[in-house]
């Protein structure tokens, strides 16, 4: 992308990246947890653990991304 993006374009890019990653991590944790729970008979523990892990990883990605791009007022 161009280096001189407008403020709203940069915000849209960062926001959509964070939202997609968070949804993917939590959704992936849910699907993998359900599959493993069915295979191992541990319902619902692995689903809960993997969804919470996805939430924590998504939150850390949020913090890292906002620090990397720098939150500004413009």
Protein backbone atom coordinates (compact mmCIF):
# COMPACT_ATOMS: atom_id res chain seq x y z
CA UNK A 1 0.00 0.00 0.00
CA UNK A 2 0.98 3.61 -0.35
CA UNK A 3 3.09 5.13 2.39
CA UNK A 4 1.02 8.33 2.62
CA UNK A 5 -2.34 6.90 3.64
CA UNK A 6 -5.06 9.12 5.03
CA UNK A 7 -5.93 8.73 8.71
CA UNK A 8 -9.18 6.87 8.12
CA UNK A 9 -7.54 4.43 5.70
CA UNK A 10 -4.83 3.58 8.20
CA UNK A 11 -7.42 3.16 10.95
CA UNK A 12 -9.57 0.95 8.73
CA UNK A 13 -6.57 -1.21 7.83
CA UNK A 14 -5.49 -1.65 11.43
CA UNK A 15 -9.04 -2.26 12.67
CA UNK A 16 -9.87 -4.85 10.06
CA UNK A 17 -6.56 -6.63 10.62
CA UNK A 18 -7.14 -6.84 14.37
CA UNK A 19 -10.79 -7.91 14.03
CA UNK A 20 -9.97 -10.61 11.50
CA UNK A 21 -7.12 -11.99 13.59
CA UNK A 22 -9.16 -12.02 16.79
CA UNK A 23 -12.12 -13.72 15.15
CA UNK A 24 -9.85 -16.25 13.46
CA UNK A 25 -8.02 -17.13 16.67
CA UNK A 26 -11.17 -17.53 18.76
CA UNK A 27 -13.02 -19.36 15.97
CA UNK A 28 -10.05 -21.62 15.31
CA UNK A 29 -9.78 -22.38 19.03
CA UNK A 30 -13.47 -23.27 19.09
CA UNK A 31 -13.28 -25.58 16.07
CA UNK A 32 -10.07 -27.27 17.16
CA UNK A 33 -11.37 -27.59 20.71
CA UNK A 34 -14.63 -29.20 19.57
CA UNK A 35 -12.72 -31.64 17.37
CA UNK A 36 -10.30 -32.61 20.13
CA UNK A 37 -13.11 -32.85 22.70
CA UNK A 38 -14.99 -35.26 20.44
CA UNK A 39 -11.87 -37.36 19.92
CA UNK A 40 -10.78 -37.45 23.57
CA UNK A 41 -14.16 -37.27 25.32
CA UNK A 42 -13.21 -34.26 27.43
CA UNK A 43 -16.15 -32.01 26.58
CA UNK A 44 -16.23 -29.00 27.03
CA UNK A 45 -12.82 -28.41 28.60
CA UNK A 46 -10.56 -28.25 25.56
CA UNK A 47 -13.02 -26.04 23.71
CA UNK A 48 -13.08 -23.55 26.58
CA UNK A 49 -9.31 -23.63 27.07
CA UNK A 50 -8.52 -23.16 23.39
CA UNK A 51 -11.09 -20.38 22.96
CA UNK A 52 -9.67 -18.51 25.94
CA UNK A 53 -6.16 -19.05 24.59
CA UNK A 54 -7.27 -17.57 21.27
CA UNK A 55 -8.73 -14.60 23.11
CA UNK A 56 -5.48 -14.01 25.01
CA UNK A 57 -3.40 -14.33 21.84
CA UNK A 58 -5.77 -11.98 20.02
CA UNK A 59 -5.52 -9.45 22.83
CA UNK A 60 -1.74 -9.58 22.76
CA UNK A 61 -1.83 -9.14 18.98
CA UNK A 62 -4.04 -6.09 19.50
CA UNK A 63 -1.53 -4.51 21.87
CA UNK A 64 1.47 -5.34 19.67
CA UNK A 65 -0.22 -4.03 16.52
CA UNK A 66 -1.31 -0.77 18.13
CA UNK A 67 2.20 -0.20 19.48
CA UNK A 68 3.76 -1.02 16.11
CA UNK A 69 1.57 1.34 14.09
CA UNK A 70 1.50 3.98 16.79
CA UNK A 71 -1.80 5.30 18.05
CA UNK A 72 -2.19 8.94 17.11
CA UNK A 73 -4.92 11.55 17.18
CA UNK A 74 -5.12 12.06 13.41
